[in-house]
Amino acid sequence: MYLFKYNICDNLIKEGKTMSITNISALRKNLFGSLETVVEYNDSITVSTKKGNAVIISEEEYNAMRETIYLASQPGLIQRIKEGESEDISSMSV
């Protein structure tokens, strides 16, 4: 599972998506603005605390990640997609 998570992060970086980093005190001061930014721009915020970090993401991003994980967990699905990519679609009828 860890390789999968790192691949997602690598892809986000390649796409130019960044993750804001803040501490809990700064987040408290601007919670509404921070949440608005997350939702409006589909941004992520890493919040650092003394006991560890937490990540705030939009509901849209969360649902997309859940869907990706679900699809990746389906046996044989990735193989079927790869096979479908190599098919010649010019001879297919609608």
C-alpha atoms as a PDB file:
ATOM      1  CA  MET A   1       0.000   0.000   0.000  1.00  0.00           C
ATOM      2  CA  TYR A   2       2.872   2.412   0.696  1.00  0.00           C
ATOM      3  CA  LEU A   3       4.115   2.286  -2.893  1.00  0.00           C
ATOM      4  CA  PHE A   4       0.623   3.164  -4.054  1.00  0.00           C
ATOM      5  CA  LYS A   5       0.496   6.185  -1.728  1.00  0.00           C
ATOM      6  CA  TYR A   6       3.887   7.436  -2.884  1.00  0.00           C
ATOM      7  CA  ASN A   7       2.876   7.072  -6.524  1.00  0.00           C
ATOM      8  CA  ILE A   8      -0.152   9.276  -5.889  1.00  0.00           C
ATOM      9  CA  CYS A   9       2.059  11.934  -4.291  1.00  0.00           C
ATOM     10  CA  ASP A  10       4.567  11.745  -7.143  1.00  0.00           C
ATOM     11  CA  ASN A  11       1.767  12.194  -9.672  1.00  0.00           C
ATOM     12  CA  LEU A  12       0.350  15.186  -7.812  1.00  0.00           C
ATOM     13  CA  ILE A  13       3.754  16.852  -7.799  1.00  0.00           C
ATOM     14  CA  LYS A  14       4.202  16.180 -11.526  1.00  0.00           C
ATOM     15  CA  GLU A  15       0.783  17.735 -12.196  1.00  0.00           C
ATOM     16  CA  GLY A  16       1.861  20.886 -10.363  1.00  0.00           C
ATOM     17  CA  LYS A  17      -0.410  20.344  -7.380  1.00  0.00           C
ATOM     18  CA  THR A  18       1.168  21.448  -4.154  1.00  0.00           C
ATOM     19  CA  MET A  19       0.382  20.905  -0.516  1.00  0.00           C
ATOM     20  CA  SER A  20       0.293  23.824   1.898  1.00  0.00           C
ATOM     21  CA  ILE A  21       1.934  23.291   5.264  1.00  0.00           C
ATOM     22  CA  THR A  22       0.903  25.058   8.457  1.00  0.00           C
ATOM     23  CA  ASN A  23       0.903  24.536  12.191  1.00  0.00           C
ATOM     24  CA  ILE A  24      -2.182  24.182  14.353  1.00  0.00           C
ATOM     25  CA  SER A  25      -1.961  27.734  15.759  1.00  0.00           C
ATOM     26  CA  ALA A  26      -1.894  29.335  12.303  1.00  0.00           C
ATOM     27  CA  LEU A  27      -4.728  27.072  11.164  1.00  0.00           C
ATOM     28  CA  ARG A  28      -6.876  28.152  14.118  1.00  0.00           C
ATOM     29  CA  LYS A  29      -6.380  31.811  13.196  1.00  0.00           C
ATOM     30  CA  ASN A  30      -7.530  31.286   9.608  1.00  0.00           C
ATOM     31  CA  LEU A  31      -9.620  28.126   9.665  1.00  0.00           C
ATOM     32  CA  PHE A  32     -12.430  29.416   7.477  1.00  0.00           C
ATOM     33  CA  GLY A  33     -10.061  30.821   4.828  1.00  0.00           C
ATOM     34  CA  SER A  34      -7.974  27.658   4.826  1.00  0.00           C
ATOM     35  CA  LEU A  35     -11.008  25.430   4.347  1.00  0.00           C
ATOM     36  CA  GLU A  36     -12.338  27.682   1.588  1.00  0.00           C
ATOM     37  CA  THR A  37      -8.981  27.368  -0.222  1.00  0.00           C
ATOM     38  CA  VAL A  38      -9.011  23.581   0.118  1.00  0.00           C
ATOM     39  CA  VAL A  39     -12.506  23.346  -1.355  1.00  0.00           C
ATOM     40  CA  GLU A  40     -12.192  26.024  -4.050  1.00  0.00           C
ATOM     41  CA  TYR A  41      -8.755  25.074  -5.393  1.00  0.00           C
ATOM     42  CA  ASN A  42      -8.755  21.382  -4.445  1.00  0.00           C
ATOM     43  CA  ASP A  43      -5.646  22.095  -2.396  1.00  0.00           C
ATOM     44  CA  SER A  44      -4.349  20.038   0.520  1.00  0.00           C
ATOM     45  CA  ILE A  45      -3.082  21.350   3.826  1.00  0.00           C
ATOM     46  CA  THR A  46      -0.670  19.499   6.062  1.00  0.00           C
ATOM     47  CA  VAL A  47      -1.152  20.561   9.677  1.00  0.00           C
ATOM     48  CA  SER A  48       1.815  19.870  11.932  1.00  0.00           C
ATOM     49  CA  THR A  49       1.248  19.283  15.634  1.00  0.00           C
ATOM     50  CA  LYS A  50       3.442  18.155  18.511  1.00  0.00           C
ATOM     51  CA  LYS A  51       2.079  14.613  18.218  1.00  0.00           C
ATOM     52  CA  GLY A  52       2.268  14.299  14.425  1.00  0.00           C
ATOM     53  CA  ASN A  53       0.774  15.629  11.232  1.00  0.00           C
ATOM     54  CA  ALA A  54      -2.725  15.623   9.775  1.00  0.00           C
ATOM     55  CA  VAL A  55      -3.835  16.375   6.220  1.00  0.00           C
ATOM     56  CA  ILE A  56      -6.935  18.342   5.227  1.00  0.00           C
ATOM     57  CA  ILE A  57      -8.331  17.581   1.765  1.00  0.00           C
ATOM     58  CA  SER A  58     -11.570  18.434  -0.002  1.00  0.00           C
ATOM     59  CA  GLU A  59     -14.457  16.007  -0.070  1.00  0.00           C
ATOM     60  CA  GLU A  60     -14.030  15.785  -3.849  1.00  0.00           C
ATOM     61  CA  GLU A  61     -10.376  14.746  -3.461  1.00  0.00           C
ATOM     62  CA  TYR A  62     -11.258  12.292  -0.692  1.00  0.00           C
ATOM     63  CA  ASN A  63     -13.940  10.626  -2.823  1.00  0.00           C
ATOM     64  CA  ALA A  64     -11.579  10.445  -5.805  1.00  0.00           C
ATOM     65  CA  MET A  65      -8.921   8.753  -3.664  1.00  0.00           C
ATOM     66  CA  ARG A  66     -11.455   6.245  -2.307  1.00  0.00           C
ATOM     67  CA  GLU A  67     -12.618   5.453  -5.835  1.00  0.00           C
ATOM     68  CA  THR A  68      -9.031   4.984  -7.027  1.00  0.00           C
ATOM     69  CA  ILE A  69      -8.251   2.654  -4.137  1.00  0.00           C
ATOM     70  CA  TYR A  70     -11.439   0.684  -4.781  1.00  0.00           C
ATOM     71  CA  LEU A  71     -10.740   0.314  -8.493  1.00  0.00           C
ATOM     72  CA  ALA A  72      -7.110  -0.650  -7.879  1.00  0.00           C
ATOM     73  CA  SER A  73      -8.267  -3.364  -5.472  1.00  0.00           C
ATOM     74  CA  GLN A  74     -10.454  -5.110  -8.063  1.00  0.00           C
ATOM     75  CA  PRO A  75      -8.724  -8.310  -9.203  1.00  0.00           C
ATOM     76  CA  GLY A  76      -7.757  -8.238 -12.858  1.00  0.00           C
ATOM     77  CA  LEU A  77      -9.119  -4.746 -13.553  1.00  0.00           C
ATOM     78  CA  ILE A  78      -5.755  -3.156 -14.323  1.00  0.00           C
ATOM     79  CA  GLN A  79      -4.889  -6.025 -16.665  1.00  0.00           C
ATOM     80  CA  ARG A  80      -8.235  -5.678 -18.485  1.00  0.00           C
ATOM     81  CA  ILE A  81      -7.648  -1.943 -18.891  1.00  0.00           C
ATOM     82  CA  LYS A  82      -4.184  -2.565 -20.329  1.00  0.00           C
ATOM     83  CA  GLU A  83      -5.616  -5.136 -22.725  1.00  0.00           C
ATOM     84  CA  GLY A  84      -8.333  -2.692 -23.765  1.00  0.00           C
ATOM     85  CA  GLU A  85      -5.785   0.030 -24.471  1.00  0.00           C
ATOM     86  CA  SER A  86      -4.091  -2.176 -27.047  1.00  0.00           C
ATOM     87  CA  GLU A  87      -7.320  -3.057 -28.911  1.00  0.00           C
ATOM     88  CA  ASP A  88      -7.943  -1.597 -32.342  1.00  0.00           C
ATOM     89  CA  ILE A  89     -11.106   0.462 -31.928  1.00  0.00           C
ATOM     90  CA  SER A  90     -11.464   1.405 -35.598  1.00  0.00           C
ATOM     91  CA  SER A  91     -13.192  -1.904 -36.363  1.00  0.00           C
ATOM     92  CA  MET A  92     -15.625  -1.717 -33.423  1.00  0.00           C
ATOM     93  CA  SER A  93     -19.280  -0.931 -34.011  1.00  0.00           C
ATOM     94  CA  VAL A  94     -21.392   1.293 -31.800  1.00  0.00           C
END
